[in-house]
Amino acid sequence: MVLGNVNSCFAQGEAAAINAAVDSQERLARDKGRDASRHPREILSFFEVAPGQRILDLFSGGGYYSELLSRVVGEQGSVLVHNNQAYLPFAKEDLAERRYQERLPNAEVIISEADDLQLPEASFDRIFFILGFHDTYYDEPGWPAIDRERLLNQMFTSLKPGGLVAIIDHDAQVGSDTSTAHELHRLARAHVVSAMEAAGFKLLGSLDLLENPEDKLTVSAFDQAVRGKTSRYVLKFAKP
């Protein structure tokens, strides 16, 4: 399912908050340079991010979306910014500039392995899980194993009824098994849908905005030929 007009049911004030966040002069230059390939205005609108919401940014990495979410939800909202220890070395340059406490006081930073998360029940309006779902299938010495069923249950119970989950990840070839998560840092969307529906979530829709037909889906997402321009799916799930 592809929803084209992502602003059609969006209140004018909420759209204005998103535009103000994306256009903010206080955003990092490195973030603004990524906007052309990430389309944040359309993504935030599709997931109906609005002032006053409480949002979890799960495996947030360097915080590209954390900052945007923080700016949209404003003083009356908050963002729980999560990473595990393994993500920190890859995100250190971004995080050195991010300075959450100073620049984004409504963002609360937590460092926790997925299996140690204790998320409060029915506390989030939105959960963003960006480019990290495949890591729940990743298997390598030194990488903390993730109990995917437990994590998804934590997500489900911590989301308010009617709340939304945003999942964006690097696509893999149709019919491929989950080994692509380890070998290529990719995961076919069917595996995401299956796992999320098994956890009780309902797929509401998708966007093709980040798809790239020139990406053959057969090389690592970190390969220089496709890095930053992989074909990515955008999936919207809800808690009934």
C-alpha atoms as a PDB file:
ATOM      1  CA  MET A   1       0.000   0.000   0.000  1.00  0.00           C
ATOM      2  CA  VAL A   2       1.386   3.389  -0.957  1.00  0.00           C
ATOM      3  CA  LEU A   3      -0.093   6.564   0.428  1.00  0.00           C
ATOM      4  CA  GLY A   4       0.748   9.493  -1.796  1.00  0.00           C
ATOM      5  CA  ASN A   5      -0.605  12.634  -0.115  1.00  0.00           C
ATOM      6  CA  VAL A   6       0.954  12.334   3.319  1.00  0.00           C
ATOM      7  CA  ASN A   7      -0.399  15.724   4.432  1.00  0.00           C
ATOM      8  CA  SER A   8      -4.019  15.155   3.397  1.00  0.00           C
ATOM      9  CA  CYS A   9      -5.314  14.497   6.937  1.00  0.00           C
ATOM     10  CA  PHE A  10      -2.742  16.584   8.706  1.00  0.00           C
ATOM     11  CA  ALA A  11      -3.729  19.719  10.624  1.00  0.00           C
ATOM     12  CA  GLN A  12      -2.176  22.952   9.449  1.00  0.00           C
ATOM     13  CA  GLY A  13      -0.521  23.595  12.809  1.00  0.00           C
ATOM     14  CA  GLU A  14       1.108  20.166  12.870  1.00  0.00           C
ATOM     15  CA  ALA A  15       2.446  20.594   9.345  1.00  0.00           C
ATOM     16  CA  ALA A  16       3.805  23.994  10.362  1.00  0.00           C
ATOM     17  CA  ALA A  17       5.646  22.405  13.309  1.00  0.00           C
ATOM     18  CA  ILE A  18       7.281  19.890  10.972  1.00  0.00           C
ATOM     19  CA  ASN A  19       8.276  22.596   8.501  1.00  0.00           C
ATOM     20  CA  ALA A  20       9.745  24.688  11.307  1.00  0.00           C
ATOM     21  CA  ALA A  21      11.747  21.705  12.591  1.00  0.00           C
ATOM     22  CA  VAL A  22      13.178  20.822   9.184  1.00  0.00           C
ATOM     23  CA  ASP A  23      13.919  24.467   8.348  1.00  0.00           C
ATOM     24  CA  SER A  24      15.461  25.295  11.730  1.00  0.00           C
ATOM     25  CA  GLN A  25      18.722  27.211  11.434  1.00  0.00           C
ATOM     26  CA  GLU A  26      19.927  25.431  14.566  1.00  0.00           C
ATOM     27  CA  ARG A  27      20.081  22.021  12.883  1.00  0.00           C
ATOM     28  CA  LEU A  28      23.510  20.563  12.219  1.00  0.00           C
ATOM     29  CA  ALA A  29      25.012  21.107   8.779  1.00  0.00           C
ATOM     30  CA  ARG A  30      25.674  17.369   8.481  1.00  0.00           C
ATOM     31  CA  ASP A  31      21.961  16.700   9.028  1.00  0.00           C
ATOM     32  CA  LYS A  32      20.842  19.209   6.448  1.00  0.00           C
ATOM     33  CA  GLY A  33      23.173  17.570   3.963  1.00  0.00           C
ATOM     34  CA  ARG A  34      21.300  14.299   4.416  1.00  0.00           C
ATOM     35  CA  ASP A  35      17.841  15.736   3.884  1.00  0.00           C
ATOM     36  CA  ALA A  36      17.810  15.287   0.113  1.00  0.00           C
ATOM     37  CA  SER A  37      18.082  11.511   0.422  1.00  0.00           C
ATOM     38  CA  ARG A  38      15.951  11.130   3.567  1.00  0.00           C
ATOM     39  CA  HIS A  39      12.962  13.409   2.828  1.00  0.00           C
ATOM     40  CA  PRO A  40      12.294  14.236   6.490  1.00  0.00           C
ATOM     41  CA  ARG A  41       9.349  16.523   5.830  1.00  0.00           C
ATOM     42  CA  GLU A  42       7.385  13.776   4.111  1.00  0.00           C
ATOM     43  CA  ILE A  43       8.471  11.077   6.581  1.00  0.00           C
ATOM     44  CA  LEU A  44       7.468  13.067   9.677  1.00  0.00           C
ATOM     45  CA  SER A  45       4.142  13.938   8.059  1.00  0.00           C
ATOM     46  CA  PHE A  46       3.448  10.322   7.095  1.00  0.00           C
ATOM     47  CA  PHE A  47       3.889   9.245  10.703  1.00  0.00           C
ATOM     48  CA  GLU A  48       1.807  12.187  11.950  1.00  0.00           C
ATOM     49  CA  VAL A  49       4.423  13.557  14.328  1.00  0.00           C
ATOM     50  CA  ALA A  50       2.960  16.490  16.234  1.00  0.00           C
ATOM     51  CA  PRO A  51       3.636  18.905  19.099  1.00  0.00           C
ATOM     52  CA  GLY A  52       3.131  17.469  22.571  1.00  0.00           C
ATOM     53  CA  GLN A  53       3.812  13.846  21.683  1.00  0.00           C
ATOM     54  CA  ARG A  54       6.129  11.515  23.592  1.00  0.00           C
ATOM     55  CA  ILE A  55       8.300   9.542  21.182  1.00  0.00           C
ATOM     56  CA  LEU A  56      10.850   6.733  21.468  1.00  0.00           C
ATOM     57  CA  ASP A  57      13.717   6.823  18.961  1.00  0.00           C
ATOM     58  CA  LEU A  58      14.940   3.235  19.224  1.00  0.00           C
ATOM     59  CA  PHE A  59      18.562   2.533  18.233  1.00  0.00           C
ATOM     60  CA  SER A  60      18.794   6.195  17.319  1.00  0.00           C
ATOM     61  CA  GLY A  61      22.432   6.165  16.155  1.00  0.00           C
ATOM     62  CA  GLY A  62      23.774   9.665  15.599  1.00  0.00           C
ATOM     63  CA  GLY A  63      20.388  11.247  16.238  1.00  0.00           C
ATOM     64  CA  TYR A  64      19.322  12.607  12.858  1.00  0.00           C
ATOM     65  CA  TYR A  65      15.692  11.788  13.571  1.00  0.00           C
ATOM     66  CA  SER A  66      15.985  12.366  17.328  1.00  0.00           C
ATOM     67  CA  GLU A  67      16.697  16.036  16.737  1.00  0.00           C
ATOM     68  CA  LEU A  68      13.880  16.489  14.249  1.00  0.00           C
ATOM     69  CA  LEU A  69      11.430  14.719  16.548  1.00  0.00           C
ATOM     70  CA  SER A  70      12.564  16.846  19.473  1.00  0.00           C
ATOM     71  CA  ARG A  71      11.983  20.029  17.538  1.00  0.00           C
ATOM     72  CA  VAL A  72       8.516  18.973  16.335  1.00  0.00           C
ATOM     73  CA  VAL A  73       7.131  17.797  19.698  1.00  0.00           C
ATOM     74  CA  GLY A  74       8.383  20.947  21.416  1.00  0.00           C
ATOM     75  CA  GLU A  75       8.390  21.897  25.063  1.00  0.00           C
ATOM     76  CA  GLN A  76       5.183  20.028  25.823  1.00  0.00           C
ATOM     77  CA  GLY A  77       6.518  16.788  24.315  1.00  0.00           C
ATOM     78  CA  SER A  78       9.604  14.647  24.796  1.00  0.00           C
ATOM     79  CA  VAL A  79      11.840  12.171  23.005  1.00  0.00           C
ATOM     80  CA  LEU A  80      13.489   9.149  24.598  1.00  0.00           C
ATOM     81  CA  VAL A  81      16.729   8.714  22.647  1.00  0.00           C
ATOM     82  CA  HIS A  82      18.011   5.136  22.837  1.00  0.00           C
ATOM     83  CA  ASN A  83      21.274   3.511  21.795  1.00  0.00           C
ATOM     84  CA  ASN A  84      23.124   0.406  22.858  1.00  0.00           C
ATOM     85  CA  GLN A  85      26.862   0.323  23.456  1.00  0.00           C
ATOM     86  CA  ALA A  86      27.591  -1.226  20.065  1.00  0.00           C
ATOM     87  CA  TYR A  87      26.017   1.716  18.202  1.00  0.00           C
ATOM     88  CA  LEU A  88      28.048   4.408  19.930  1.00  0.00           C
ATOM     89  CA  PRO A  89      31.369   3.996  18.052  1.00  0.00           C
ATOM     90  CA  PHE A  90      29.580   4.342  14.698  1.00  0.00           C
ATOM     91  CA  ALA A  91      27.757   7.476  15.823  1.00  0.00           C
ATOM     92  CA  LYS A  92      30.491   9.276  17.767  1.00  0.00           C
ATOM     93  CA  GLU A  93      31.028  12.158  15.333  1.00  0.00           C
ATOM     94  CA  ASP A  94      27.329  12.960  15.139  1.00  0.00           C
ATOM     95  CA  LEU A  95      26.854  12.616  18.881  1.00  0.00           C
ATOM     96  CA  ALA A  96      29.819  14.871  19.601  1.00  0.00           C
ATOM     97  CA  GLU A  97      27.961  17.659  17.811  1.00  0.00           C
ATOM     98  CA  ARG A  98      24.455  16.714  18.957  1.00  0.00           C
ATOM     99  CA  ARG A  99      24.872  17.813  22.624  1.00  0.00           C
ATOM    100  CA  TYR A 100      21.350  16.826  23.598  1.00  0.00           C
ATOM    101  CA  GLN A 101      21.252  18.364  27.065  1.00  0.00           C
ATOM    102  CA  GLU A 102      22.413  21.737  25.809  1.00  0.00           C
ATOM    103  CA  ARG A 103      20.637  21.933  22.457  1.00  0.00           C
ATOM    104  CA  LEU A 104      17.579  19.684  22.908  1.00  0.00           C
ATOM    105  CA  PRO A 105      16.475  19.711  26.542  1.00  0.00           C
ATOM    106  CA  ASN A 106      13.288  17.721  25.881  1.00  0.00           C
ATOM    107  CA  ALA A 107      15.391  14.737  24.731  1.00  0.00           C
ATOM    108  CA  GLU A 108      16.252  12.109  27.345  1.00  0.00           C
ATOM    109  CA  VAL A 109      19.223   9.901  26.404  1.00  0.00           C
ATOM    110  CA  ILE A 110      19.456   6.284  27.554  1.00  0.00           C
ATOM    111  CA  ILE A 111      22.129   3.681  26.791  1.00  0.00           C
ATOM    112  CA  SER A 112      20.784   0.168  27.190  1.00  0.00           C
ATOM    113  CA  GLU A 113      21.069  -3.197  25.531  1.00  0.00           C
ATOM    114  CA  ALA A 114      17.767  -4.175  23.963  1.00  0.00           C
ATOM    115  CA  ASP A 115      17.322  -7.098  26.330  1.00  0.00           C
ATOM    116  CA  ASP A 116      17.714  -4.774  29.334  1.00  0.00           C
ATOM    117  CA  LEU A 117      15.131  -2.222  28.237  1.00  0.00           C
ATOM    118  CA  GLN A 118      12.298  -1.672  30.678  1.00  0.00           C
ATOM    119  CA  LEU A 119       9.947   0.628  28.814  1.00  0.00           C
ATOM    120  CA  PRO A 120       7.004   2.112  30.716  1.00  0.00           C
ATOM    121  CA  GLU A 121       3.609   0.796  29.688  1.00  0.00           C
ATOM    122  CA  ALA A 122       1.406   2.852  27.330  1.00  0.00           C
ATOM    123  CA  SER A 123       3.751   5.846  27.436  1.00  0.00           C
ATOM    124  CA  PHE A 124       4.652   6.588  23.801  1.00  0.00           C
ATOM    125  CA  ASP A 125       2.596   8.118  21.005  1.00  0.00           C
ATOM    126  CA  ARG A 126       5.158   7.146  18.369  1.00  0.00           C
ATOM    127  CA  ILE A 127       8.121   4.783  18.121  1.00  0.00           C
ATOM    128  CA  PHE A 128      10.758   5.389  15.440  1.00  0.00           C
ATOM    129  CA  PHE A 129      12.954   2.409  14.539  1.00  0.00           C
ATOM    130  CA  ILE A 130      15.149   3.640  11.697  1.00  0.00           C
ATOM    131  CA  LEU A 131      17.692   1.442   9.862  1.00  0.00           C
ATOM    132  CA  GLY A 132      17.937  -0.866  12.855  1.00  0.00           C
ATOM    133  CA  PHE A 133      15.306  -3.586  12.542  1.00  0.00           C
ATOM    134  CA  HIS A 134      17.730  -5.792  10.608  1.00  0.00           C
ATOM    135  CA  ASP A 135      20.061  -5.712  13.619  1.00  0.00           C
ATOM    136  CA  THR A 136      17.575  -7.804  15.568  1.00  0.00           C
ATOM    137  CA  TYR A 137      18.698 -10.625  13.241  1.00  0.00           C
ATOM    138  CA  TYR A 138      22.393  -9.698  13.289  1.00  0.00           C
ATOM    139  CA  ASP A 139      24.786 -12.279  14.692  1.00  0.00           C
ATOM    140  CA  GLU A 140      28.471 -11.606  15.258  1.00  0.00           C
ATOM    141  CA  PRO A 141      30.953 -11.967  18.133  1.00  0.00           C
ATOM    142  CA  GLY A 142      30.935  -8.786  20.183  1.00  0.00           C
ATOM    143  CA  TRP A 143      27.493  -7.753  19.005  1.00  0.00           C
ATOM    144  CA  PRO A 144      24.943  -8.171  21.808  1.00  0.00           C
ATOM    145  CA  ALA A 145      22.298 -10.707  20.844  1.00  0.00           C
ATOM    146  CA  ILE A 146      18.787  -9.288  20.784  1.00  0.00           C
ATOM    147  CA  ASP A 147      15.721 -11.203  21.945  1.00  0.00           C
ATOM    148  CA  ARG A 148      13.541  -9.913  19.141  1.00  0.00           C
ATOM    149  CA  GLU A 149      10.288 -11.277  20.556  1.00  0.00           C
ATOM    150  CA  ARG A 150      10.949  -9.554  23.881  1.00  0.00           C
ATOM    151  CA  LEU A 151      11.900  -6.278  22.193  1.00  0.00           C
ATOM    152  CA  LEU A 152       8.773  -6.206  20.041  1.00  0.00           C
ATOM    153  CA  ASN A 153       6.652  -7.015  23.083  1.00  0.00           C
ATOM    154  CA  GLN A 154       8.299  -4.096  24.900  1.00  0.00           C
ATOM    155  CA  MET A 155       7.480  -1.859  21.953  1.00  0.00           C
ATOM    156  CA  PHE A 156       3.873  -3.053  21.866  1.00  0.00           C
ATOM    157  CA  THR A 157       3.166  -2.620  25.567  1.00  0.00           C
ATOM    158  CA  SER A 158       4.926   0.768  25.758  1.00  0.00           C
ATOM    159  CA  LEU A 159       2.955   2.223  22.830  1.00  0.00           C
ATOM    160  CA  LYS A 160      -0.367   3.869  23.566  1.00  0.00           C
ATOM    161  CA  PRO A 161      -3.445   2.351  21.879  1.00  0.00           C
ATOM    162  CA  GLY A 162      -3.653   3.901  18.427  1.00  0.00           C
ATOM    163  CA  GLY A 163       0.019   4.842  18.536  1.00  0.00           C
ATOM    164  CA  LEU A 164       2.224   4.435  15.472  1.00  0.00           C
ATOM    165  CA  VAL A 165       5.545   2.720  14.776  1.00  0.00           C
ATOM    166  CA  ALA A 166       7.819   3.995  12.017  1.00  0.00           C
ATOM    167  CA  ILE A 167      10.144   1.408  10.487  1.00  0.00           C
ATOM    168  CA  ILE A 168      12.614   2.268   7.747  1.00  0.00           C
ATOM    169  CA  ASP A 169      15.290  -0.201   6.702  1.00  0.00           C
ATOM    170  CA  HIS A 170      17.546  -1.294   3.857  1.00  0.00           C
ATOM    171  CA  ASP A 171      15.584  -3.627   1.583  1.00  0.00           C
ATOM    172  CA  ALA A 172      16.783  -7.046   0.418  1.00  0.00           C
ATOM    173  CA  GLN A 173      15.658  -9.143  -2.505  1.00  0.00           C
ATOM    174  CA  VAL A 174      12.154 -10.579  -2.383  1.00  0.00           C
ATOM    175  CA  GLY A 175      12.269 -14.127  -1.072  1.00  0.00           C
ATOM    176  CA  SER A 176      15.651 -13.729   0.632  1.00  0.00           C
ATOM    177  CA  ASP A 177      16.016 -15.173   4.115  1.00  0.00           C
ATOM    178  CA  THR A 178      17.104 -13.320   7.228  1.00  0.00           C
ATOM    179  CA  SER A 179      20.791 -14.129   6.666  1.00  0.00           C
ATOM    180  CA  THR A 180      20.962 -10.915   4.618  1.00  0.00           C
ATOM    181  CA  ALA A 181      20.773  -9.012   7.921  1.00  0.00           C
ATOM    182  CA  HIS A 182      24.179 -10.358   8.904  1.00  0.00           C
ATOM    183  CA  GLU A 183      25.771 -10.568   5.464  1.00  0.00           C
ATOM    184  CA  LEU A 184      24.483  -7.338   3.876  1.00  0.00           C
ATOM    185  CA  HIS A 185      22.906  -5.287   6.697  1.00  0.00           C
ATOM    186  CA  ARG A 186      19.633  -5.629   4.810  1.00  0.00           C
ATOM    187  CA  LEU A 187      16.300  -7.312   5.463  1.00  0.00           C
ATOM    188  CA  ALA A 188      13.430  -7.977   3.071  1.00  0.00           C
ATOM    189  CA  ARG A 189      10.316  -6.109   4.144  1.00  0.00           C
ATOM    190  CA  ALA A 190       8.270  -9.311   4.403  1.00  0.00           C
ATOM    191  CA  HIS A 191      10.272 -10.340   7.474  1.00  0.00           C
ATOM    192  CA  VAL A 192       9.514  -7.018   9.172  1.00  0.00           C
ATOM    193  CA  VAL A 193       5.804  -7.278   8.437  1.00  0.00           C
ATOM    194  CA  SER A 194       5.654 -10.880   9.651  1.00  0.00           C
ATOM    195  CA  ALA A 195       7.475 -10.154  12.910  1.00  0.00           C
ATOM    196  CA  MET A 196       5.498  -6.991  13.654  1.00  0.00           C
ATOM    197  CA  GLU A 197       2.129  -8.597  12.949  1.00  0.00           C
ATOM    198  CA  ALA A 198       3.063 -11.568  15.132  1.00  0.00           C
ATOM    199  CA  ALA A 199       3.720  -9.056  17.929  1.00  0.00           C
ATOM    200  CA  GLY A 200       0.215  -7.612  17.554  1.00  0.00           C
ATOM    201  CA  PHE A 201       0.868  -4.579  15.358  1.00  0.00           C
ATOM    202  CA  LYS A 202      -1.208  -3.764  12.275  1.00  0.00           C
ATOM    203  CA  LEU A 203       0.378  -2.564   9.033  1.00  0.00           C
ATOM    204  CA  LEU A 204      -1.384   0.650   8.007  1.00  0.00           C
ATOM    205  CA  GLY A 205       0.592   1.687   4.958  1.00  0.00           C
ATOM    206  CA  SER A 206       3.910   2.376   3.296  1.00  0.00           C
ATOM    207  CA  LEU A 207       5.751   4.957   1.242  1.00  0.00           C
ATOM    208  CA  ASP A 208       7.940   4.312  -1.800  1.00  0.00           C
ATOM    209  CA  LEU A 209       9.701   7.657  -1.322  1.00  0.00           C
ATOM    210  CA  LEU A 210      13.058   6.094  -0.344  1.00  0.00           C
ATOM    211  CA  GLU A 211      13.097   3.284  -2.895  1.00  0.00           C
ATOM    212  CA  ASN A 212      15.987   3.278  -5.362  1.00  0.00           C
ATOM    213  CA  PRO A 213      15.517   1.098  -8.468  1.00  0.00           C
ATOM    214  CA  GLU A 214      19.244   1.336  -9.215  1.00  0.00           C
ATOM    215  CA  ASP A 215      20.068  -0.517  -5.986  1.00  0.00           C
ATOM    216  CA  LYS A 216      20.158  -4.208  -6.909  1.00  0.00           C
ATOM    217  CA  LEU A 217      19.797  -5.192  -3.218  1.00  0.00           C
ATOM    218  CA  THR A 218      22.715  -7.626  -3.447  1.00  0.00           C
ATOM    219  CA  VAL A 219      25.618  -5.689  -1.900  1.00  0.00           C
ATOM    220  CA  SER A 220      26.195  -4.516   1.649  1.00  0.00           C
ATOM    221  CA  ALA A 221      24.333  -1.386   2.686  1.00  0.00           C
ATOM    222  CA  PHE A 222      27.770  -0.029   3.627  1.00  0.00           C
ATOM    223  CA  ASP A 223      29.255  -0.619   0.174  1.00  0.00           C
ATOM    224  CA  GLN A 224      30.410   2.725  -1.243  1.00  0.00           C
ATOM    225  CA  ALA A 225      28.390   2.096  -4.399  1.00  0.00           C
ATOM    226  CA  VAL A 226      25.123   2.361  -2.455  1.00  0.00           C
ATOM    227  CA  ARG A 227      25.955   3.844   0.949  1.00  0.00           C
ATOM    228  CA  GLY A 228      23.501   6.611   1.739  1.00  0.00           C
ATOM    229  CA  LYS A 229      21.342   5.713  -1.260  1.00  0.00           C
ATOM    230  CA  THR A 230      20.132   2.168  -0.638  1.00  0.00           C
ATOM    231  CA  SER A 231      16.590   1.252  -1.525  1.00  0.00           C
ATOM    232  CA  ARG A 232      14.664   1.570   1.741  1.00  0.00           C
ATOM    233  CA  TYR A 233      11.097   0.709   2.665  1.00  0.00           C
ATOM    234  CA  VAL A 234       8.998   2.946   4.894  1.00  0.00           C
ATOM    235  CA  LEU A 235       6.388   1.022   6.899  1.00  0.00           C
ATOM    236  CA  LYS A 236       3.691   2.405   9.199  1.00  0.00           C
ATOM    237  CA  PHE A 237       2.345   0.127  11.924  1.00  0.00           C
ATOM    238  CA  ALA A 238      -0.252   0.817  14.591  1.00  0.00           C
ATOM    239  CA  LYS A 239      -1.214  -0.649  17.929  1.00  0.00           C
ATOM    240  CA  PRO A 240      -4.933  -1.437  17.593  1.00  0.00           C
END
